[in-house]
Amino acid sequence: MKRLAVAVMTVGLVFVFACVQKATKEECQAACKKQAELQNAAKPKSPGDDPVLAVTNKYQPQIAEAEKAKADAMAAIDKEFEAKLAKAKSEKDKAKVNDEITKKKDEKSKELQPKIDELNKSMADERKTAVEAKAKKDADAKAAAEKALTACVDACVNAGTAKTKAECQAKAANLEAYGKCQ
């Protein structure tokens, strides 16, 4: 009698589990996409993750310093010739002083501008490299996410996940709620 009761209960349980609707591939995919979305939202994004911004932040102070040095040098030249320009009486003398100022500024500019140009070129080169590296990293991350999604969907379908569980997971508002789905 005891064996008969155990056998009837076992058959009953098998029947109950067999009747539970299994999640379809699409339902599993929705649940897995939601899981990936929730996991990505839980990962904090730091500004240091952007290599292009890091390159810009590296070079901007150096470029600003070089441009300030050039502007200061131009102001010093103006100050140096200020008295000479004030003493010039005729338009011819003023033109001569202005020519001297222009000549001296051109010389100073030729001396200081290459450093600014070099910094700008270095920044542009490094930014190009950073953009390419970021694009590759993003492509690799996308490929890994697609692979993980496929593995998740396959595991969900192969495990015979219940339809109610997959629906619950697809509607979860956070990872905690996702984990509580049964």
N, C-alpha and C. Protein backbone atom coordinates (compact mmCIF):
# COMPACT_ATOMS: atom_id res chain seq x y z
N MET A 1 0.81 -1.18 0.00
CA MET A 1 0.00 0.00 0.00
C MET A 1 0.87 1.26 0.00
N LYS A 2 1.89 1.19 0.82
CA LYS A 2 2.80 2.33 0.90
C LYS A 2 3.47 2.56 -0.45
N ARG A 3 3.88 1.49 -1.08
CA ARG A 3 4.54 1.60 -2.38
C ARG A 3 3.59 2.15 -3.43
N LEU A 4 2.37 1.75 -3.36
CA LEU A 4 1.37 2.23 -4.31
C LEU A 4 1.15 3.74 -4.15
N ALA A 5 1.10 4.19 -2.90
CA ALA A 5 0.92 5.62 -2.64
C ALA A 5 2.11 6.41 -3.17
N VAL A 6 3.33 5.91 -2.94
CA VAL A 6 4.54 6.58 -3.43
C VAL A 6 4.55 6.59 -4.95
N ALA A 7 4.16 5.50 -5.55
CA ALA A 7 4.13 5.42 -7.01
C ALA A 7 3.10 6.39 -7.58
N VAL A 8 1.92 6.48 -6.97
CA VAL A 8 0.88 7.39 -7.44
C VAL A 8 1.35 8.84 -7.30
N MET A 9 1.99 9.18 -6.19
CA MET A 9 2.49 10.54 -5.97
C MET A 9 3.60 10.87 -6.97
N THR A 10 4.47 9.92 -7.23
CA THR A 10 5.55 10.15 -8.17
C THR A 10 4.99 10.41 -9.57
N VAL A 11 4.04 9.59 -9.98
CA VAL A 11 3.42 9.78 -11.29
C VAL A 11 2.72 11.13 -11.32
N GLY A 12 2.06 11.48 -10.24
CA GLY A 12 1.36 12.76 -10.15
C GLY A 12 2.33 13.93 -10.26
N LEU A 13 3.45 13.85 -9.58
CA LEU A 13 4.45 14.91 -9.64
C LEU A 13 5.05 15.01 -11.04
N VAL A 14 5.33 13.90 -11.65
CA VAL A 14 5.87 13.89 -13.00
C VAL A 14 4.86 14.54 -13.94
N PHE A 15 3.60 14.21 -13.76
CA PHE A 15 2.54 14.78 -14.58
C PHE A 15 2.45 16.30 -14.39
N VAL A 16 2.55 16.75 -13.14
CA VAL A 16 2.48 18.18 -12.84
C VAL A 16 3.66 18.91 -13.49
N PHE A 17 4.85 18.37 -13.32
CA PHE A 17 6.03 19.02 -13.90
C PHE A 17 6.00 18.98 -15.42
N ALA A 18 5.44 17.92 -15.97
CA ALA A 18 5.35 17.80 -17.42
C ALA A 18 4.34 18.79 -17.98
N CYS A 19 3.34 19.12 -17.20
CA CYS A 19 2.31 20.04 -17.67
C CYS A 19 2.70 21.50 -17.54
N VAL A 20 3.72 21.79 -16.77
CA VAL A 20 4.17 23.18 -16.61
C VAL A 20 4.66 23.65 -17.97
N GLN A 21 4.14 24.81 -18.39
CA GLN A 21 4.54 25.32 -19.70
C GLN A 21 6.00 25.78 -19.66
N LYS A 22 6.72 25.36 -20.66
CA LYS A 22 8.13 25.74 -20.78
C LYS A 22 8.22 27.06 -21.55
N ALA A 23 9.24 27.82 -21.23
CA ALA A 23 9.45 29.10 -21.90
C ALA A 23 9.92 28.86 -23.33
N THR A 24 9.44 29.68 -24.24
CA THR A 24 9.89 29.59 -25.63
C THR A 24 11.26 30.27 -25.76
N LYS A 25 11.86 30.09 -26.90
CA LYS A 25 13.16 30.71 -27.14
C LYS A 25 13.05 32.24 -27.05
N GLU A 26 11.95 32.79 -27.55
CA GLU A 26 11.74 34.24 -27.52
C GLU A 26 11.58 34.74 -26.09
N GLU A 27 10.86 33.97 -25.28
CA GLU A 27 10.67 34.36 -23.88
C GLU A 27 11.99 34.27 -23.12
N CYS A 28 12.75 33.24 -23.41
CA CYS A 28 14.08 33.12 -22.79
C CYS A 28 14.99 34.27 -23.23
N GLN A 29 14.87 34.65 -24.50
CA GLN A 29 15.69 35.74 -25.01
C GLN A 29 15.31 37.06 -24.31
N ALA A 30 14.04 37.28 -24.10
CA ALA A 30 13.59 38.50 -23.40
C ALA A 30 14.13 38.52 -21.97
N ALA A 31 14.08 37.37 -21.31
CA ALA A 31 14.57 37.28 -19.93
C ALA A 31 16.09 37.52 -19.89
N CYS A 32 16.81 36.93 -20.83
CA CYS A 32 18.27 37.08 -20.86
C CYS A 32 18.68 38.52 -21.22
N LYS A 33 17.94 39.16 -22.13
CA LYS A 33 18.23 40.56 -22.47
C LYS A 33 18.01 41.44 -21.25
N LYS A 34 16.96 41.16 -20.49
CA LYS A 34 16.66 41.94 -19.29
C LYS A 34 17.78 41.75 -18.27
N GLN A 35 18.27 40.52 -18.14
CA GLN A 35 19.37 40.25 -17.21
C GLN A 35 20.60 41.05 -17.61
N ALA A 36 20.95 41.04 -18.88
CA ALA A 36 22.12 41.79 -19.35
C ALA A 36 21.94 43.28 -19.13
N GLU A 37 20.73 43.77 -19.39
CA GLU A 37 20.42 45.20 -19.19
C GLU A 37 20.58 45.59 -17.72
N LEU A 38 20.07 44.75 -16.83
CA LEU A 38 20.16 45.04 -15.40
C LEU A 38 21.61 44.97 -14.91
N GLN A 39 22.37 44.02 -15.44
CA GLN A 39 23.77 43.90 -15.04
C GLN A 39 24.57 45.10 -15.53
N ASN A 40 24.32 45.56 -16.75
CA ASN A 40 25.02 46.74 -17.27
C ASN A 40 24.66 47.99 -16.49
N ALA A 41 23.39 48.10 -16.09
CA ALA A 41 22.96 49.27 -15.32
C ALA A 41 23.61 49.27 -13.94
N ALA A 42 23.91 48.08 -13.42
CA ALA A 42 24.52 47.99 -12.09
C ALA A 42 26.00 48.32 -12.11
N LYS A 43 26.63 48.25 -13.29
CA LYS A 43 28.06 48.57 -13.40
C LYS A 43 28.23 50.09 -13.44
N PRO A 44 29.00 50.65 -12.52
CA PRO A 44 29.20 52.10 -12.56
C PRO A 44 30.15 52.48 -13.71
N LYS A 45 29.80 53.53 -14.41
CA LYS A 45 30.64 54.03 -15.50
C LYS A 45 31.47 55.18 -14.96
N SER A 46 32.77 55.08 -15.10
CA SER A 46 33.61 56.18 -14.64
C SER A 46 34.10 56.97 -15.84
N PRO A 47 34.31 58.28 -15.66
CA PRO A 47 34.77 59.09 -16.78
C PRO A 47 36.15 58.65 -17.29
N GLY A 48 36.88 57.95 -16.45
CA GLY A 48 38.20 57.46 -16.85
C GLY A 48 38.13 56.35 -17.88
N ASP A 49 36.91 55.86 -18.15
CA ASP A 49 36.75 54.80 -19.14
C ASP A 49 36.86 55.30 -20.57
N ASP A 50 36.78 56.61 -20.76
CA ASP A 50 36.84 57.18 -22.11
C ASP A 50 38.28 57.57 -22.44
N PRO A 51 38.96 56.78 -23.29
CA PRO A 51 40.35 57.08 -23.60
C PRO A 51 40.52 58.39 -24.38
N VAL A 52 39.53 58.77 -25.17
CA VAL A 52 39.61 60.01 -25.95
C VAL A 52 39.61 61.21 -25.00
N LEU A 53 38.74 61.16 -24.01
CA LEU A 53 38.68 62.23 -23.02
C LEU A 53 39.98 62.28 -22.22
N ALA A 54 40.55 61.13 -21.92
CA ALA A 54 41.81 61.08 -21.17
C ALA A 54 42.94 61.76 -21.96
N VAL A 55 42.97 61.51 -23.27
CA VAL A 55 44.01 62.14 -24.11
C VAL A 55 43.80 63.65 -24.14
N THR A 56 42.58 64.08 -24.31
CA THR A 56 42.28 65.51 -24.33
C THR A 56 42.69 66.16 -23.01
N ASN A 57 42.33 65.51 -21.90
CA ASN A 57 42.69 66.05 -20.59
C ASN A 57 44.20 66.07 -20.37
N LYS A 58 44.91 65.16 -20.99
CA LYS A 58 46.36 65.12 -20.87
C LYS A 58 47.01 66.31 -21.59
N TYR A 59 46.52 66.62 -22.78
CA TYR A 59 47.17 67.64 -23.61
C TYR A 59 46.65 69.06 -23.42
N GLN A 60 45.39 69.23 -23.03
CA GLN A 60 44.83 70.58 -22.92
C GLN A 60 45.64 71.49 -22.01
N PRO A 61 46.05 71.05 -20.82
CA PRO A 61 46.84 71.95 -19.96
C PRO A 61 48.18 72.34 -20.60
N GLN A 62 48.81 71.38 -21.27
CA GLN A 62 50.10 71.66 -21.91
C GLN A 62 49.94 72.67 -23.05
N ILE A 63 48.90 72.49 -23.84
CA ILE A 63 48.64 73.41 -24.96
C ILE A 63 48.30 74.79 -24.42
N ALA A 64 47.45 74.83 -23.39
CA ALA A 64 47.08 76.12 -22.79
C ALA A 64 48.30 76.84 -22.23
N GLU A 65 49.19 76.09 -21.60
CA GLU A 65 50.42 76.68 -21.04
C GLU A 65 51.30 77.24 -22.15
N ALA A 66 51.45 76.49 -23.24
CA ALA A 66 52.27 76.95 -24.37
C ALA A 66 51.65 78.18 -25.02
N GLU A 67 50.34 78.19 -25.17
CA GLU A 67 49.67 79.36 -25.77
C GLU A 67 49.76 80.58 -24.85
N LYS A 68 49.71 80.35 -23.54
CA LYS A 68 49.85 81.46 -22.58
C LYS A 68 51.27 82.02 -22.65
N ALA A 69 52.25 81.14 -22.77
CA ALA A 69 53.65 81.59 -22.88
C ALA A 69 53.81 82.46 -24.12
N LYS A 70 53.18 82.04 -25.21
CA LYS A 70 53.27 82.82 -26.45
C LYS A 70 52.58 84.18 -26.28
N ALA A 71 51.39 84.18 -25.69
CA ALA A 71 50.66 85.43 -25.47
C ALA A 71 51.43 86.36 -24.54
N ASP A 72 52.04 85.78 -23.50
CA ASP A 72 52.86 86.59 -22.58
C ASP A 72 54.06 87.20 -23.30
N ALA A 73 54.67 86.42 -24.19
CA ALA A 73 55.82 86.92 -24.95
C ALA A 73 55.39 88.06 -25.87
N MET A 74 54.23 87.94 -26.49
CA MET A 74 53.72 89.01 -27.36
C MET A 74 53.42 90.27 -26.55
N ALA A 75 52.84 90.08 -25.36
CA ALA A 75 52.55 91.22 -24.49
C ALA A 75 53.84 91.89 -24.03
N ALA A 76 54.88 91.10 -23.76
CA ALA A 76 56.17 91.66 -23.34
C ALA A 76 56.79 92.49 -24.47
N ILE A 77 56.63 92.02 -25.70
CA ILE A 77 57.15 92.77 -26.85
C ILE A 77 56.38 94.10 -26.97
N ASP A 78 55.08 94.05 -26.82
CA ASP A 78 54.28 95.29 -26.88
C ASP A 78 54.74 96.26 -25.80
N LYS A 79 54.97 95.74 -24.61
CA LYS A 79 55.39 96.59 -23.49
C LYS A 79 56.77 97.17 -23.76
N GLU A 80 57.66 96.34 -24.33
CA GLU A 80 59.03 96.77 -24.62
C GLU A 80 59.03 97.94 -25.61
N PHE A 81 58.16 97.90 -26.59
CA PHE A 81 58.14 98.92 -27.63
C PHE A 81 57.14 100.05 -27.35
N GLU A 82 56.42 99.94 -26.24
CA GLU A 82 55.42 100.96 -25.90
C GLU A 82 56.04 102.36 -25.81
N ALA A 83 57.14 102.46 -25.08
CA ALA A 83 57.79 103.76 -24.89
C ALA A 83 58.32 104.29 -26.22
N LYS A 84 58.90 103.40 -27.03
CA LYS A 84 59.44 103.79 -28.34
C LYS A 84 58.32 104.32 -29.24
N LEU A 85 57.18 103.63 -29.18
CA LEU A 85 56.04 104.03 -30.00
C LEU A 85 55.49 105.39 -29.53
N ALA A 86 55.52 105.61 -28.21
CA ALA A 86 55.03 106.88 -27.67
C ALA A 86 55.96 108.04 -28.06
N LYS A 87 57.27 107.75 -28.15
CA LYS A 87 58.24 108.79 -28.51
C LYS A 87 58.23 109.12 -30.00
N ALA A 88 57.74 108.20 -30.80
CA ALA A 88 57.73 108.43 -32.25
C ALA A 88 56.79 109.58 -32.56
N LYS A 89 57.32 110.57 -33.28
CA LYS A 89 56.54 111.77 -33.57
C LYS A 89 55.79 111.66 -34.89
N SER A 90 56.51 111.32 -35.90
CA SER A 90 55.89 111.29 -37.23
C SER A 90 55.28 109.92 -37.52
N GLU A 91 54.45 109.90 -38.53
CA GLU A 91 53.82 108.64 -38.96
C GLU A 91 54.89 107.69 -39.48
N LYS A 92 55.92 108.23 -40.10
CA LYS A 92 57.00 107.42 -40.63
C LYS A 92 57.72 106.71 -39.49
N ASP A 93 58.01 107.44 -38.38
CA ASP A 93 58.67 106.84 -37.22
C ASP A 93 57.78 105.78 -36.56
N LYS A 94 56.49 106.08 -36.47
CA LYS A 94 55.55 105.12 -35.89
C LYS A 94 55.47 103.85 -36.75
N ALA A 95 55.49 104.02 -38.06
CA ALA A 95 55.45 102.87 -38.96
C ALA A 95 56.71 102.03 -38.78
N LYS A 96 57.86 102.71 -38.58
CA LYS A 96 59.14 102.00 -38.38
C LYS A 96 59.08 101.17 -37.09
N VAL A 97 58.57 101.79 -36.02
CA VAL A 97 58.46 101.09 -34.73
C VAL A 97 57.48 99.92 -34.87
N ASN A 98 56.36 100.15 -35.54
CA ASN A 98 55.39 99.06 -35.75
C ASN A 98 56.00 97.93 -36.56
N ASP A 99 56.84 98.26 -37.54
CA ASP A 99 57.54 97.22 -38.32
C ASP A 99 58.48 96.42 -37.42
N GLU A 100 59.17 97.13 -36.51
CA GLU A 100 60.07 96.45 -35.56
C GLU A 100 59.27 95.51 -34.66
N ILE A 101 58.13 96.02 -34.18
CA ILE A 101 57.28 95.20 -33.31
C ILE A 101 56.82 93.94 -34.06
N THR A 102 56.34 94.14 -35.29
CA THR A 102 55.86 93.02 -36.10
C THR A 102 56.98 92.02 -36.35
N LYS A 103 58.18 92.53 -36.66
CA LYS A 103 59.33 91.65 -36.92
C LYS A 103 59.67 90.84 -35.67
N LYS A 104 59.72 91.53 -34.53
CA LYS A 104 60.07 90.85 -33.28
C LYS A 104 58.99 89.82 -32.91
N LYS A 105 57.71 90.17 -33.10
CA LYS A 105 56.63 89.23 -32.80
C LYS A 105 56.68 88.02 -33.72
N ASP A 106 56.98 88.25 -35.00
CA ASP A 106 57.10 87.13 -35.95
C ASP A 106 58.21 86.19 -35.53
N GLU A 107 59.35 86.74 -35.12
CA GLU A 107 60.47 85.91 -34.67
C GLU A 107 60.08 85.08 -33.45
N LYS A 108 59.44 85.75 -32.48
CA LYS A 108 59.03 85.05 -31.26
C LYS A 108 57.98 83.99 -31.57
N SER A 109 57.07 84.31 -32.48
CA SER A 109 56.04 83.36 -32.87
C SER A 109 56.66 82.14 -33.54
N LYS A 110 57.65 82.39 -34.43
CA LYS A 110 58.34 81.27 -35.09
C LYS A 110 59.07 80.40 -34.07
N GLU A 111 59.49 81.01 -32.98
CA GLU A 111 60.20 80.27 -31.93
C GLU A 111 59.22 79.44 -31.08
N LEU A 112 58.06 80.02 -30.76
CA LEU A 112 57.13 79.36 -29.83
C LEU A 112 56.03 78.52 -30.50
N GLN A 113 55.63 78.87 -31.70
CA GLN A 113 54.52 78.18 -32.36
C GLN A 113 54.79 76.70 -32.63
N PRO A 114 56.02 76.30 -32.98
CA PRO A 114 56.25 74.86 -33.24
C PRO A 114 55.90 73.96 -32.05
N LYS A 115 56.14 74.45 -30.84
CA LYS A 115 55.80 73.63 -29.67
C LYS A 115 54.28 73.43 -29.59
N ILE A 116 53.53 74.50 -29.84
CA ILE A 116 52.06 74.41 -29.82
C ILE A 116 51.59 73.46 -30.93
N ASP A 117 52.16 73.62 -32.12
CA ASP A 117 51.78 72.74 -33.23
C ASP A 117 52.12 71.28 -32.94
N GLU A 118 53.28 71.07 -32.33
CA GLU A 118 53.70 69.70 -31.99
C GLU A 118 52.74 69.08 -30.97
N LEU A 119 52.35 69.86 -29.96
CA LEU A 119 51.41 69.36 -28.96
C LEU A 119 50.06 69.04 -29.59
N ASN A 120 49.58 69.92 -30.47
CA ASN A 120 48.30 69.68 -31.15
C ASN A 120 48.37 68.44 -32.03
N LYS A 121 49.49 68.25 -32.72
CA LYS A 121 49.66 67.06 -33.57
C LYS A 121 49.71 65.79 -32.72
N SER A 122 50.48 65.86 -31.63
CA SER A 122 50.57 64.69 -30.74
C SER A 122 49.20 64.34 -30.18
N MET A 123 48.44 65.37 -29.77
CA MET A 123 47.10 65.12 -29.23
C MET A 123 46.21 64.51 -30.31
N ALA A 124 46.27 65.03 -31.52
CA ALA A 124 45.43 64.49 -32.61
C ALA A 124 45.80 63.04 -32.90
N ASP A 125 47.11 62.74 -32.94
CA ASP A 125 47.55 61.36 -33.19
C ASP A 125 47.09 60.41 -32.09
N GLU A 126 47.26 60.83 -30.84
CA GLU A 126 46.86 59.98 -29.72
C GLU A 126 45.34 59.82 -29.67
N ARG A 127 44.61 60.89 -30.01
CA ARG A 127 43.15 60.80 -30.03
C ARG A 127 42.70 59.81 -31.10
N LYS A 128 43.36 59.84 -32.26
CA LYS A 128 43.00 58.90 -33.34
C LYS A 128 43.22 57.47 -32.86
N THR A 129 44.36 57.23 -32.23
CA THR A 129 44.66 55.90 -31.71
C THR A 129 43.65 55.50 -30.63
N ALA A 130 43.29 56.46 -29.77
CA ALA A 130 42.32 56.18 -28.71
C ALA A 130 40.95 55.87 -29.28
N VAL A 131 40.55 56.60 -30.32
CA VAL A 131 39.25 56.34 -30.97
C VAL A 131 39.23 54.94 -31.55
N GLU A 132 40.32 54.56 -32.22
CA GLU A 132 40.39 53.21 -32.80
C GLU A 132 40.36 52.14 -31.71
N ALA A 133 41.10 52.37 -30.63
CA ALA A 133 41.12 51.40 -29.53
C ALA A 133 39.75 51.29 -28.88
N LYS A 134 39.08 52.43 -28.71
CA LYS A 134 37.74 52.43 -28.11
C LYS A 134 36.76 51.69 -29.02
N ALA A 135 36.86 51.91 -30.33
CA ALA A 135 35.96 51.23 -31.27
C ALA A 135 36.18 49.72 -31.21
N LYS A 136 37.44 49.31 -31.13
CA LYS A 136 37.74 47.87 -31.03
C LYS A 136 37.22 47.29 -29.71
N LYS A 137 37.44 48.03 -28.64
CA LYS A 137 36.97 47.57 -27.33
C LYS A 137 35.45 47.46 -27.32
N ASP A 138 34.77 48.45 -27.91
CA ASP A 138 33.31 48.42 -27.98
C ASP A 138 32.82 47.25 -28.83
N ALA A 139 33.50 46.99 -29.95
CA ALA A 139 33.12 45.87 -30.82
C ALA A 139 33.33 44.54 -30.10
N ASP A 140 34.45 44.43 -29.38
CA ASP A 140 34.72 43.20 -28.63
C ASP A 140 33.68 43.00 -27.53
N ALA A 141 33.31 44.09 -26.86
CA ALA A 141 32.31 44.00 -25.80
C ALA A 141 30.96 43.60 -26.37
N LYS A 142 30.62 44.15 -27.54
CA LYS A 142 29.35 43.81 -28.17
C LYS A 142 29.33 42.33 -28.57
N ALA A 143 30.43 41.85 -29.13
CA ALA A 143 30.52 40.44 -29.53
C ALA A 143 30.41 39.54 -28.29
N ALA A 144 31.08 39.92 -27.22
CA ALA A 144 31.03 39.12 -25.99
C ALA A 144 29.61 39.13 -25.42
N ALA A 145 28.93 40.27 -25.48
CA ALA A 145 27.56 40.36 -24.97
C ALA A 145 26.62 39.49 -25.80
N GLU A 146 26.81 39.50 -27.12
CA GLU A 146 25.97 38.65 -27.98
C GLU A 146 26.22 37.18 -27.71
N LYS A 147 27.48 36.82 -27.49
CA LYS A 147 27.83 35.43 -27.18
C LYS A 147 27.21 35.01 -25.84
N ALA A 148 27.29 35.90 -24.86
CA ALA A 148 26.72 35.62 -23.54
C ALA A 148 25.19 35.50 -23.63
N LEU A 149 24.58 36.35 -24.44
CA LEU A 149 23.13 36.29 -24.62
C LEU A 149 22.72 34.95 -25.24
N THR A 150 23.45 34.54 -26.27
CA THR A 150 23.16 33.26 -26.92
C THR A 150 23.32 32.10 -25.93
N ALA A 151 24.38 32.14 -25.13
CA ALA A 151 24.61 31.08 -24.14
C ALA A 151 23.49 31.07 -23.10
N CYS A 152 23.06 32.26 -22.68
CA CYS A 152 21.98 32.37 -21.69
C CYS A 152 20.67 31.80 -22.26
N VAL A 153 20.35 32.18 -23.49
CA VAL A 153 19.11 31.69 -24.12
C VAL A 153 19.16 30.18 -24.27
N ASP A 154 20.29 29.65 -24.73
CA ASP A 154 20.42 28.20 -24.89
C ASP A 154 20.27 27.49 -23.54
N ALA A 155 20.89 28.04 -22.50
CA ALA A 155 20.78 27.42 -21.17
C ALA A 155 19.35 27.47 -20.67
N CYS A 156 18.67 28.56 -20.90
CA CYS A 156 17.28 28.72 -20.48
C CYS A 156 16.38 27.70 -21.18
N VAL A 157 16.54 27.57 -22.49
CA VAL A 157 15.71 26.64 -23.27
C VAL A 157 16.04 25.20 -22.89
N ASN A 158 17.34 24.87 -22.82
CA ASN A 158 17.77 23.50 -22.51
C ASN A 158 17.39 23.08 -21.10
N ALA A 159 17.33 24.03 -20.17
CA ALA A 159 16.97 23.70 -18.78
C ALA A 159 15.46 23.56 -18.64
N GLY A 160 14.73 23.92 -19.67
CA GLY A 160 13.27 23.81 -19.60
C GLY A 160 12.69 24.79 -18.60
N THR A 161 13.19 25.99 -18.61
CA THR A 161 12.73 27.03 -17.69
C THR A 161 11.23 27.24 -17.85
N ALA A 162 10.56 27.39 -16.73
CA ALA A 162 9.11 27.60 -16.75
C ALA A 162 8.79 28.95 -17.39
N LYS A 163 7.69 28.97 -18.11
CA LYS A 163 7.25 30.18 -18.79
C LYS A 163 7.03 31.31 -17.79
N THR A 164 6.45 31.01 -16.64
CA THR A 164 6.18 32.04 -15.64
C THR A 164 7.48 32.67 -15.12
N LYS A 165 8.51 31.84 -14.99
CA LYS A 165 9.80 32.35 -14.50
C LYS A 165 10.41 33.28 -15.55
N ALA A 166 10.39 32.88 -16.81
CA ALA A 166 10.96 33.70 -17.88
C ALA A 166 10.20 35.03 -17.99
N GLU A 167 8.88 34.97 -17.87
CA GLU A 167 8.08 36.20 -17.93
C GLU A 167 8.39 37.11 -16.76
N CYS A 168 8.53 36.52 -15.58
CA CYS A 168 8.88 37.29 -14.38
C CYS A 168 10.24 37.96 -14.55
N GLN A 169 11.21 37.22 -15.07
CA GLN A 169 12.55 37.75 -15.27
C GLN A 169 12.55 38.88 -16.30
N ALA A 170 11.76 38.74 -17.34
CA ALA A 170 11.71 39.76 -18.39
C ALA A 170 11.11 41.07 -17.87
N LYS A 171 10.28 40.98 -16.83
CA LYS A 171 9.63 42.17 -16.28
C LYS A 171 10.34 42.72 -15.04
N ALA A 172 11.40 42.07 -14.59
CA ALA A 172 12.08 42.47 -13.34
C ALA A 172 12.61 43.90 -13.43
N ALA A 173 12.47 44.62 -12.33
CA ALA A 173 12.91 46.01 -12.28
C ALA A 173 14.37 46.16 -11.87
N ASN A 174 14.90 45.13 -11.18
CA ASN A 174 16.30 45.17 -10.75
C ASN A 174 16.83 43.75 -10.61
N LEU A 175 18.12 43.64 -10.35
CA LEU A 175 18.74 42.31 -10.28
C LEU A 175 18.18 41.48 -9.13
N GLU A 176 17.85 42.14 -8.04
CA GLU A 176 17.29 41.42 -6.88
C GLU A 176 15.95 40.77 -7.27
N ALA A 177 15.10 41.54 -7.91
CA ALA A 177 13.80 41.01 -8.34
C ALA A 177 14.01 39.90 -9.38
N TYR A 178 14.99 40.08 -10.26
CA TYR A 178 15.28 39.08 -11.28
C TYR A 178 15.65 37.75 -10.61
N GLY A 179 16.50 37.83 -9.59
CA GLY A 179 16.95 36.63 -8.89
C GLY A 179 15.85 35.93 -8.11
N LYS A 180 14.81 36.66 -7.72
CA LYS A 180 13.72 36.07 -6.93
C LYS A 180 12.69 35.35 -7.78
N CYS A 181 12.75 35.51 -9.10
CA CYS A 181 11.77 34.86 -9.96
C CYS A 181 11.89 33.35 -9.88
N GLN A 182 10.71 32.68 -9.83
CA GLN A 182 10.70 31.22 -9.76
C GLN A 182 9.78 30.64 -10.79
